[in-house]
Amino acid sequence: MSIKPGAVLWDMDGTLVDTEPYWMEVETELVESFGGTWSHDDALQLVGNSLLESGKVLQQAGVDMQPQEIVDLMTDRVAAMLRTRGVPFRPGARELLADLRANGVPTALVTMSMRRMALDVVELIDFTAFDVIIGGDEVTRPKPYPDPYLTGAALLEVDIADAVVIEDSPTGVAAGAASGAVILGVPHIVALDGCGADELWPTLAGRTTADLADLHARLAKQGTR
């Protein structure tokens, strides 16, 4: 019998690693450097968005730069924070990822951050964590479109219906749901109630491959996928 799920596709920021505070800090400093104001509520609106869309919002907030320039600058600054402050894994995420790898379950990292940022994070993990990495700059249509997750499944050569997507944002949950995968929501900065996740877990701490296999099997048995 093959291992279920056939693959696990991970979001990065806020799901695998707790980088959202880094992004929020950079956004605030950037907007304020141009004389504007940026609140926590403003920052929450960008959670899960594509970086280019976020760049456009920050431009509208007074940052006198082109959206792509904003993206490049923010990516550089957050990458520097990761190098100096370390990679802050979400509770249980690293352990679950390592368990999946030990059990031979294919994994993909599917993020709206730029690929070079994803590579910076992955290089700081002390084991081979992912078979495939999809960056936000590598897809034509970002989350909430299903394209990033469909691309990840295709590169892993698995049926998306056999995969579990792990997400922390409404935008990411929407992308996973549209792809046809089983969606596990693990809320962090924003609530996910009513966003379309198949199941919500408060944390990944203590969770294993067997838990994800049970999740997929229950949903498949119910005919929801």
Protein backbone atom coordinates (compact mmCIF):
# COMPACT_ATOMS: atom_id res chain seq x y z
CA MET A 1 0.00 0.00 0.00
CA SER A 2 1.33 3.45 -0.90
CA ILE A 3 1.85 6.03 1.79
CA LYS A 4 -0.92 8.59 2.10
CA PRO A 5 -0.84 11.48 1.62
CA GLY A 6 0.91 11.19 -1.71
CA ALA A 7 2.63 14.49 -1.01
CA VAL A 8 2.55 17.40 1.41
CA LEU A 9 2.77 20.91 0.01
CA TRP A 10 3.84 23.55 2.51
CA ASP A 11 3.34 27.28 2.57
CA MET A 12 6.41 29.04 3.99
CA ASP A 13 5.82 32.39 5.70
CA GLY A 14 3.69 31.87 8.80
CA THR A 15 3.30 28.12 8.22
CA LEU A 16 6.80 26.65 8.14
CA VAL A 17 8.63 29.65 9.57
CA ASP A 18 7.43 32.62 11.60
CA THR A 19 8.72 35.32 9.27
CA GLU A 20 5.55 37.43 9.22
CA PRO A 21 6.87 39.70 12.02
CA TYR A 22 9.99 40.29 9.92
CA TRP A 23 7.93 41.33 6.91
CA MET A 24 5.74 43.58 9.06
CA GLU A 25 8.78 45.26 10.59
CA VAL A 26 10.27 45.92 7.16
CA GLU A 27 6.97 47.22 5.78
CA THR A 28 6.58 49.64 8.70
CA GLU A 29 10.14 50.95 8.44
CA LEU A 30 9.80 51.40 4.68
CA VAL A 31 6.50 53.30 4.78
CA GLU A 32 7.68 55.49 7.67
CA SER A 33 10.91 56.30 5.83
CA PHE A 34 8.74 58.02 3.20
CA GLY A 35 6.75 59.91 5.84
CA GLY A 36 3.74 57.59 5.89
CA THR A 37 2.10 55.50 8.60
CA TRP A 38 1.64 51.73 8.62
CA SER A 39 -0.47 50.02 11.27
CA HIS A 40 -0.65 46.41 12.37
CA ASP A 41 -4.08 46.19 10.71
CA ASP A 42 -2.55 47.48 7.46
CA ALA A 43 0.10 44.76 7.67
CA LEU A 44 -2.51 42.06 8.29
CA GLN A 45 -4.11 42.86 4.93
CA LEU A 46 -0.94 41.71 3.16
CA VAL A 47 -0.60 38.32 4.87
CA GLY A 48 -0.60 35.61 2.19
CA ASN A 49 -0.62 38.06 -0.72
CA SER A 50 1.78 37.97 -3.64
CA LEU A 51 4.76 40.23 -3.02
CA LEU A 52 4.11 42.26 -6.17
CA GLU A 53 0.56 43.03 -5.03
CA SER A 54 1.95 43.95 -1.62
CA GLY A 55 4.44 46.23 -3.34
CA LYS A 56 1.59 48.03 -5.08
CA VAL A 57 -0.22 48.52 -1.76
CA LEU A 58 2.92 49.94 -0.16
CA GLN A 59 3.38 52.27 -3.13
CA GLN A 60 -0.15 53.53 -2.56
CA ALA A 61 0.77 54.02 1.12
CA GLY A 62 3.41 56.52 0.09
CA VAL A 63 6.54 54.49 -0.75
CA ASP A 64 7.98 56.37 -3.74
CA MET A 65 9.38 53.35 -5.52
CA GLN A 66 8.19 50.96 -8.21
CA PRO A 67 6.44 47.83 -6.88
CA GLN A 68 9.20 45.49 -8.05
CA GLU A 69 11.82 47.71 -6.43
CA ILE A 70 9.84 47.54 -3.19
CA VAL A 71 9.70 43.73 -3.44
CA ASP A 72 13.44 43.47 -4.05
CA LEU A 73 14.26 45.78 -1.14
CA MET A 74 11.95 44.01 1.30
CA THR A 75 13.24 40.59 0.25
CA ASP A 76 16.82 41.69 0.84
CA ARG A 77 16.01 43.08 4.28
CA VAL A 78 14.03 40.05 5.44
CA ALA A 79 16.75 37.73 4.12
CA ALA A 80 19.30 39.70 6.16
CA MET A 81 17.10 39.27 9.27
CA LEU A 82 16.99 35.52 8.70
CA ARG A 83 20.77 35.38 8.52
CA THR A 84 21.32 37.48 11.63
CA ARG A 85 18.35 36.44 13.80
CA GLY A 86 17.92 32.87 12.57
CA VAL A 87 15.02 30.92 11.08
CA PRO A 88 12.11 30.94 13.55
CA PHE A 89 10.26 27.69 12.84
CA ARG A 90 6.59 27.51 13.72
CA PRO A 91 5.90 25.07 16.59
CA GLY A 92 6.15 21.48 15.38
CA ALA A 93 6.80 22.42 11.75
CA ARG A 94 10.42 21.32 11.53
CA GLU A 95 9.68 18.09 13.40
CA LEU A 96 6.71 17.23 11.16
CA LEU A 97 8.71 18.01 8.04
CA ALA A 98 11.56 15.78 9.23
CA ASP A 99 9.08 12.98 9.99
CA LEU A 100 7.57 13.24 6.50
CA ARG A 101 11.03 12.99 5.00
CA ALA A 102 11.87 9.98 7.17
CA ASN A 103 8.70 8.28 5.92
CA GLY A 104 9.43 8.99 2.27
CA VAL A 105 6.54 11.40 1.68
CA PRO A 106 7.32 13.84 -1.16
CA THR A 107 7.30 17.48 -0.09
CA ALA A 108 7.12 20.83 -1.85
CA LEU A 109 7.56 24.37 -0.57
CA VAL A 110 5.00 26.64 -2.26
CA THR A 111 5.49 30.27 -1.31
CA MET A 112 4.59 33.72 -2.55
CA SER A 113 8.03 34.92 -1.46
CA MET A 114 10.65 35.10 -4.19
CA ARG A 115 12.51 31.90 -4.96
CA ARG A 116 15.79 33.32 -3.69
CA MET A 117 14.16 33.99 -0.33
CA ALA A 118 12.81 30.44 -0.20
CA LEU A 119 16.28 29.10 -0.98
CA ASP A 120 17.75 31.20 1.83
CA VAL A 121 15.30 29.61 4.28
CA VAL A 122 15.77 26.06 2.98
CA GLU A 123 19.57 26.37 3.11
CA LEU A 124 19.31 27.05 6.84
CA ILE A 125 17.47 23.75 7.47
CA ASP A 126 19.91 21.05 8.54
CA PHE A 127 18.43 18.28 6.37
CA THR A 128 17.16 17.92 2.81
CA ALA A 129 13.71 19.30 3.41
CA PHE A 130 11.97 19.62 0.04
CA ASP A 131 11.88 17.86 -3.30
CA VAL A 132 10.48 20.93 -5.04
CA ILE A 133 10.48 24.67 -4.35
CA ILE A 134 7.99 27.02 -6.03
CA GLY A 135 8.58 30.76 -5.56
CA GLY A 136 6.07 33.52 -6.09
CA ASP A 137 8.15 34.85 -8.97
CA GLU A 138 7.87 31.52 -10.80
CA VAL A 139 4.10 31.42 -11.37
CA THR A 140 1.98 33.59 -13.64
CA ARG A 141 -1.01 33.61 -11.33
CA PRO A 142 -0.23 33.73 -7.59
CA LYS A 143 -2.32 32.57 -4.65
CA PRO A 144 -5.36 32.67 -4.29
CA TYR A 145 -5.25 31.05 -7.74
CA PRO A 146 -4.53 27.31 -7.61
CA ASP A 147 -1.59 27.53 -10.03
CA PRO A 148 1.24 27.43 -7.43
CA TYR A 149 -0.08 24.25 -5.82
CA LEU A 150 -0.97 22.62 -9.13
CA THR A 151 2.57 23.36 -10.33
CA GLY A 152 4.03 21.83 -7.17
CA ALA A 153 2.00 18.65 -7.54
CA ALA A 154 2.88 18.37 -11.23
CA LEU A 155 6.60 18.69 -10.50
CA LEU A 156 6.28 16.01 -7.80
CA GLU A 157 4.33 13.87 -10.31
CA VAL A 158 1.47 13.30 -7.88
CA ASP A 159 -2.28 13.78 -8.26
CA ILE A 160 -3.22 16.96 -6.41
CA ALA A 161 -6.18 15.06 -4.91
CA ASP A 162 -3.66 12.81 -3.12
CA ALA A 163 -1.88 15.80 -1.57
CA VAL A 164 -2.30 17.74 1.65
CA VAL A 165 -1.68 21.49 1.59
CA ILE A 166 -0.68 23.18 4.86
CA GLU A 167 -1.50 26.90 5.04
CA ASP A 168 -1.87 29.74 7.53
CA SER A 169 -3.61 32.49 5.49
CA PRO A 170 -7.04 32.88 3.89
CA THR A 171 -5.35 33.56 0.54
CA GLY A 172 -3.31 30.38 0.78
CA VAL A 173 -6.27 28.30 1.93
CA ALA A 174 -8.25 29.56 -1.06
CA ALA A 175 -5.42 28.58 -3.41
CA GLY A 176 -5.20 25.10 -1.93
CA ALA A 177 -8.94 24.57 -1.99
CA ALA A 178 -9.13 25.67 -5.62
CA SER A 179 -6.39 23.20 -6.52
CA GLY A 180 -8.36 20.18 -5.27
CA ALA A 181 -5.97 19.19 -2.47
CA VAL A 182 -6.97 18.42 1.10
CA ILE A 183 -6.45 21.67 2.99
CA LEU A 184 -5.08 21.81 6.53
CA GLY A 185 -5.27 25.26 8.06
CA VAL A 186 -2.96 26.18 10.94
CA PRO A 187 -3.92 29.74 11.96
CA HIS A 188 -1.20 32.12 13.05
CA ILE A 189 -1.50 35.86 12.45
CA VAL A 190 -5.06 35.80 11.05
CA ALA A 191 -8.07 33.57 11.73
CA LEU A 192 -9.05 30.90 9.20
CA ASP A 193 -12.59 30.16 10.34
CA GLY A 194 -14.92 29.95 7.36
CA CYS A 195 -12.10 30.29 4.83
CA GLY A 196 -12.58 26.84 3.29
CA ALA A 197 -9.97 24.68 5.03
CA ASP A 198 -10.99 21.04 5.37
CA GLU A 199 -9.68 21.00 8.92
CA LEU A 200 -8.06 23.47 11.33
CA TRP A 201 -5.33 22.51 13.78
CA PRO A 202 -4.25 25.06 16.38
CA THR A 203 -0.64 23.89 16.06
CA LEU A 204 1.59 21.35 14.34
CA ALA A 205 3.35 20.56 17.62
CA GLY A 206 3.24 16.82 18.31
CA ARG A 207 1.83 16.01 14.87
CA THR A 208 3.30 13.26 12.67
CA THR A 209 3.01 11.72 9.23
CA ALA A 210 0.38 9.38 10.67
CA ASP A 211 -1.81 12.34 11.60
CA LEU A 212 -1.69 13.71 8.06
CA ALA A 213 -2.37 10.23 6.66
CA ASP A 214 -5.42 9.97 8.94
CA LEU A 215 -6.60 13.43 7.87
CA HIS A 216 -6.36 12.51 4.19
CA ALA A 217 -7.96 9.11 4.68
CA ARG A 218 -10.92 10.53 6.62
CA LEU A 219 -11.65 13.13 3.99
CA ALA A 220 -11.26 10.65 1.16
CA LYS A 221 -13.59 8.20 2.92
CA GLN A 222 -16.18 10.93 3.35
CA GLY A 223 -16.04 11.57 -0.35
CA THR A 224 -15.07 15.19 0.13
CA ARG A 225 -12.12 14.81 -2.21
